[in-house]
């Protein structure tokens, strides 16, 4: 069985694949793992692959895997590369998770395509008609936006990620939620519209921790795959 690990800024996603099937998945908070909190790993794993955008966490997870299974994991960008032509001006600057998502979309959904990942940051990644990674856009994520508002504005409170009651808020908390949710939904529709105008018809696949909650605020985001990155890691590992 394969253990796929996607290390993100906020959380680490783990997935167990038996053959082609994702049979189990779970998450742990990244900072807790870095600070020493152990992760209970299942038995029966004979291969492992890691994608990471948090360099401090990569060796921590790698050591856990080595101790538990006696195998060295494949690490994207270190001892294995994502099998996609990367047209970024400085290819090493692209987060490995973004390349993994692009690989997954190429194989599972086809291309040209736009991947929208709703995580700590919201990323738009574009796969060309030739199956190349063209580049993308990066925006603050939902929680990042809320935290920035409450931190920088003295009278705005810290709030949780809950959808607004309507378009217009009737109190401060709901006004913040309306602004962020409807704002991000409109941002998605506007960016996707511009990308389609420039590159032609493109399918859109959303992923990330907040994909399902934000999809209702965007008319362009219809297909949601919460396990896209884990599936991409599985595809890369089997190749």
Protein backbone atom coordinates (compact mmCIF):
# COMPACT_ATOMS: atom_id res chain seq x y z
CA UNK A 1 0.00 0.00 0.00
CA UNK A 2 1.04 3.58 -0.64
CA UNK A 3 1.10 6.39 1.91
CA UNK A 4 0.67 9.79 0.23
CA UNK A 5 1.40 12.90 2.33
CA UNK A 6 0.62 16.48 1.34
CA UNK A 7 2.24 18.96 3.76
CA UNK A 8 0.49 22.33 3.64
CA UNK A 9 0.93 25.51 5.65
CA UNK A 10 -2.07 24.86 7.89
CA UNK A 11 -2.55 21.10 7.76
CA UNK A 12 -0.96 17.88 6.57
CA UNK A 13 -3.15 15.51 4.55
CA UNK A 14 -2.46 11.78 4.67
CA UNK A 15 -3.91 9.23 2.27
CA UNK A 16 -3.65 5.45 2.04
CA UNK A 17 -3.97 3.88 -1.41
CA UNK A 18 -4.58 0.21 -1.99
CA UNK A 19 -4.06 -0.27 -5.68
CA UNK A 20 -5.91 2.58 -7.37
CA UNK A 21 -8.32 3.15 -4.50
CA UNK A 22 -7.97 5.78 -1.76
CA UNK A 23 -9.07 3.70 1.23
CA UNK A 24 -8.40 6.15 4.04
CA UNK A 25 -7.51 9.80 4.56
CA UNK A 26 -6.99 12.08 7.56
CA UNK A 27 -5.33 15.36 8.54
CA UNK A 28 -3.06 16.79 11.24
CA UNK A 29 -2.16 20.38 12.04
CA UNK A 30 1.22 21.24 10.56
CA UNK A 31 2.52 23.32 13.47
CA UNK A 32 1.61 20.62 15.98
CA UNK A 33 3.53 18.03 14.00
CA UNK A 34 6.56 20.34 13.73
CA UNK A 35 6.45 20.96 17.48
CA UNK A 36 6.66 17.23 18.19
CA UNK A 37 3.12 15.86 18.21
CA UNK A 38 3.25 12.32 16.88
CA UNK A 39 1.06 11.07 14.05
CA UNK A 40 -0.35 7.56 14.32
CA UNK A 41 0.52 5.79 11.10
CA UNK A 42 -1.17 2.53 10.05
CA UNK A 43 0.73 -0.67 9.33
CA UNK A 44 1.08 -2.38 5.97
CA UNK A 45 2.68 0.48 4.04
CA UNK A 46 5.44 -0.44 1.60
CA UNK A 47 5.77 2.85 -0.32
CA UNK A 48 5.46 6.53 0.61
CA UNK A 49 5.51 9.84 -1.22
CA UNK A 50 5.57 13.40 0.14
CA UNK A 51 4.71 16.78 -1.32
CA UNK A 52 5.55 19.75 0.89
CA UNK A 53 5.43 23.55 0.92
CA UNK A 54 6.75 23.66 4.50
CA UNK A 55 10.49 22.80 4.50
CA UNK A 56 10.60 22.50 8.32
CA UNK A 57 7.96 19.79 8.30
CA UNK A 58 9.40 17.62 5.52
CA UNK A 59 12.22 15.98 7.53
CA UNK A 60 9.88 15.47 10.50
CA UNK A 61 7.41 13.45 8.41
CA UNK A 62 10.22 11.66 6.55
CA UNK A 63 11.74 10.47 9.84
CA UNK A 64 8.34 9.25 11.06
CA UNK A 65 7.96 7.17 7.90
CA UNK A 66 11.50 5.77 8.10
CA UNK A 67 11.05 4.84 11.78
CA UNK A 68 7.64 3.24 11.22
CA UNK A 69 8.23 1.37 7.96
CA UNK A 70 11.98 1.27 7.39
CA UNK A 71 11.59 2.86 3.96
CA UNK A 72 12.72 6.22 2.61
CA UNK A 73 9.82 8.22 1.13
CA UNK A 74 9.86 9.81 -2.30
CA UNK A 75 9.96 13.60 -1.82
CA UNK A 76 8.70 15.81 -4.63
CA UNK A 77 11.40 18.18 -5.81
CA UNK A 78 14.14 16.17 -4.09
CA UNK A 79 14.35 12.59 -5.32
CA UNK A 80 11.40 12.63 -7.72
CA UNK A 81 9.89 15.23 -10.06
CA UNK A 82 6.31 15.90 -11.11
CA UNK A 83 5.94 14.58 -14.68
CA UNK A 84 4.75 17.78 -16.28
CA UNK A 85 6.50 20.43 -18.34
CA UNK A 86 6.85 23.46 -16.08
CA UNK A 87 6.87 26.80 -17.93
CA UNK A 88 7.37 28.96 -14.84
CA UNK A 89 10.16 31.50 -15.41
CA UNK A 90 11.87 30.11 -12.31
CA UNK A 91 10.55 26.53 -12.10
CA UNK A 92 11.80 25.93 -8.54
CA UNK A 93 9.49 28.68 -7.26
CA UNK A 94 6.35 26.68 -7.99
CA UNK A 95 4.91 24.94 -4.92
CA UNK A 96 5.11 21.18 -5.37
CA UNK A 97 1.44 20.81 -4.47
CA UNK A 98 0.50 23.00 -7.44
CA UNK A 99 2.44 20.75 -9.83
CA UNK A 100 0.92 17.66 -8.22
CA UNK A 101 -2.58 19.09 -8.73
CA UNK A 102 -1.75 19.81 -12.38
CA UNK A 103 -0.58 16.23 -12.90
CA UNK A 104 -3.77 14.89 -11.30
CA UNK A 105 -6.01 17.06 -13.46
CA UNK A 106 -4.16 16.06 -16.64
CA UNK A 107 -4.76 12.37 -16.00
CA UNK A 108 -8.14 12.43 -14.28
CA UNK A 109 -10.00 15.30 -15.96
CA UNK A 110 -8.13 16.25 -19.14
CA UNK A 111 -6.83 19.62 -20.33
CA UNK A 112 -6.75 22.54 -20.93
CA UNK A 113 -7.85 23.17 -17.37
CA UNK A 114 -7.81 25.52 -14.41
CA UNK A 115 -7.16 24.18 -10.91
CA UNK A 116 -8.42 26.34 -8.04
CA UNK A 117 -7.00 25.31 -4.67
CA UNK A 118 -8.73 26.83 -1.64
CA UNK A 119 -6.19 26.57 1.16
CA UNK A 120 -4.19 28.99 3.28
CA UNK A 121 -3.72 30.74 -0.05
CA UNK A 122 -6.09 30.48 -3.00
CA UNK A 123 -4.16 29.43 -6.09
CA UNK A 124 -5.25 29.30 -9.70
CA UNK A 125 -3.10 27.04 -11.89
CA UNK A 126 -3.41 26.72 -15.64
CA UNK A 127 -2.68 23.62 -17.72
CA UNK A 128 -2.36 24.33 -21.44
CA UNK A 129 -3.81 22.51 -24.43
CA UNK A 130 -0.45 20.75 -24.71
CA UNK A 131 -0.60 19.57 -21.11
CA UNK A 132 1.98 22.07 -19.87
CA UNK A 133 1.94 23.89 -16.55
CA UNK A 134 1.69 27.53 -17.68
CA UNK A 135 1.64 29.30 -14.30
CA UNK A 136 -1.06 30.84 -12.19
CA UNK A 137 -2.27 33.36 -9.65
CA UNK A 138 -2.06 33.47 -5.85
CA UNK A 139 -4.52 35.20 -3.49
CA UNK A 140 -5.08 35.22 0.28
CA UNK A 141 -7.29 32.35 1.42
CA UNK A 142 -10.50 32.61 3.45
CA UNK A 143 -8.93 32.29 6.90
CA UNK A 144 -5.98 34.45 5.84
CA UNK A 145 -8.40 37.18 4.77
CA UNK A 146 -10.38 37.00 8.03
CA UNK A 147 -7.20 37.04 10.12
CA UNK A 148 -5.80 40.01 8.22
CA UNK A 149 -9.01 42.00 8.79
CA UNK A 150 -9.15 41.33 12.53
CA UNK A 151 -5.42 41.91 13.00
CA UNK A 152 -5.15 45.17 11.07
CA UNK A 153 -8.50 46.77 11.97
CA UNK A 154 -8.92 47.52 15.69
CA UNK A 155 -12.73 47.31 15.69
CA UNK A 156 -13.05 44.11 13.64
CA UNK A 157 -13.24 40.86 15.65
CA UNK A 158 -11.57 37.51 14.99
CA UNK A 159 -14.21 35.20 13.53
CA UNK A 160 -14.67 31.62 12.36
CA UNK A 161 -15.15 30.42 8.79
CA UNK A 162 -18.93 30.25 8.56
CA UNK A 163 -20.94 31.29 5.47
CA UNK A 164 -22.87 34.60 5.71
CA UNK A 165 -26.63 34.74 6.16
CA UNK A 166 -27.08 36.88 3.07
CA UNK A 167 -25.40 39.23 0.63
CA UNK A 168 -25.66 42.21 2.96
CA UNK A 169 -24.51 41.75 6.55
CA UNK A 170 -26.65 43.22 9.35
CA UNK A 171 -23.86 43.20 11.93
CA UNK A 172 -20.06 43.43 11.85
CA UNK A 173 -19.37 39.70 11.90
CA UNK A 174 -21.84 38.91 9.13
CA UNK A 175 -20.63 41.88 7.09
CA UNK A 176 -17.10 40.49 7.25
CA UNK A 177 -18.35 37.05 6.23
CA UNK A 178 -20.38 38.50 3.35
CA UNK A 179 -17.42 40.52 2.14
CA UNK A 180 -14.97 37.62 2.20
CA UNK A 181 -17.25 34.86 0.88
CA UNK A 182 -19.01 36.83 -1.86
CA UNK A 183 -15.77 38.66 -2.62
CA UNK A 184 -13.82 35.43 -3.14
CA UNK A 185 -16.69 33.91 -5.12
CA UNK A 186 -16.78 36.92 -7.45
CA UNK A 187 -12.98 36.91 -7.66
CA UNK A 188 -13.08 33.28 -8.80
CA UNK A 189 -15.69 33.98 -11.46
CA UNK A 190 -13.82 37.04 -12.71
CA UNK A 191 -10.41 35.33 -12.91
CA UNK A 192 -11.82 32.21 -14.56
CA UNK A 193 -13.65 34.39 -17.09
CA UNK A 194 -10.43 36.26 -17.94
CA UNK A 195 -8.45 33.02 -18.27
CA UNK A 196 -11.06 31.52 -20.59
CA UNK A 197 -11.10 34.68 -22.67
CA UNK A 198 -7.32 34.50 -23.07
CA UNK A 199 -6.85 30.73 -23.46
CA UNK A 200 -10.23 29.51 -24.69
CA UNK A 201 -12.66 27.04 -23.08
CA UNK A 202 -11.15 25.37 -20.01
CA UNK A 203 -12.62 23.00 -17.46
CA UNK A 204 -12.39 24.09 -13.82
CA UNK A 205 -11.59 21.75 -10.92
CA UNK A 206 -11.57 23.00 -7.33
CA UNK A 207 -9.78 21.41 -4.40
CA UNK A 208 -8.48 22.33 -0.95
CA UNK A 209 -9.98 22.51 2.50
CA UNK A 210 -12.46 25.28 1.72
CA UNK A 211 -13.47 24.21 -1.81
CA UNK A 212 -16.90 22.90 -0.89
CA UNK A 213 -17.82 25.82 1.34
CA UNK A 214 -16.87 28.47 -1.24
CA UNK A 215 -18.30 26.68 -4.31
CA UNK A 216 -21.79 27.95 -3.52
CA UNK A 217 -20.56 31.52 -3.97
CA UNK A 218 -19.07 30.98 -7.43
CA UNK A 219 -20.98 30.15 -10.61
CA UNK A 220 -17.82 29.03 -12.44
CA UNK A 221 -16.67 26.47 -9.84
CA UNK A 222 -18.69 23.28 -10.31
CA UNK A 223 -16.35 20.27 -10.15
CA UNK A 224 -14.85 19.69 -6.69
CA UNK A 225 -12.24 17.06 -5.86
CA UNK A 226 -11.15 17.35 -2.20
CA UNK A 227 -8.53 14.61 -2.67
CA UNK A 228 -6.98 15.94 -5.88
CA UNK A 229 -3.48 16.41 -4.43
CA UNK A 230 -3.42 12.97 -2.82
CA UNK A 231 -4.61 11.45 -6.10
CA UNK A 232 -1.85 13.32 -7.91
CA UNK A 233 0.75 11.93 -5.53
CA UNK A 234 -0.58 8.44 -6.19
CA UNK A 235 -0.31 8.99 -9.95
CA UNK A 236 3.27 10.24 -9.65
CA UNK A 237 4.30 7.39 -7.36
CA UNK A 238 2.96 4.68 -9.68
CA UNK A 239 4.85 6.19 -12.61
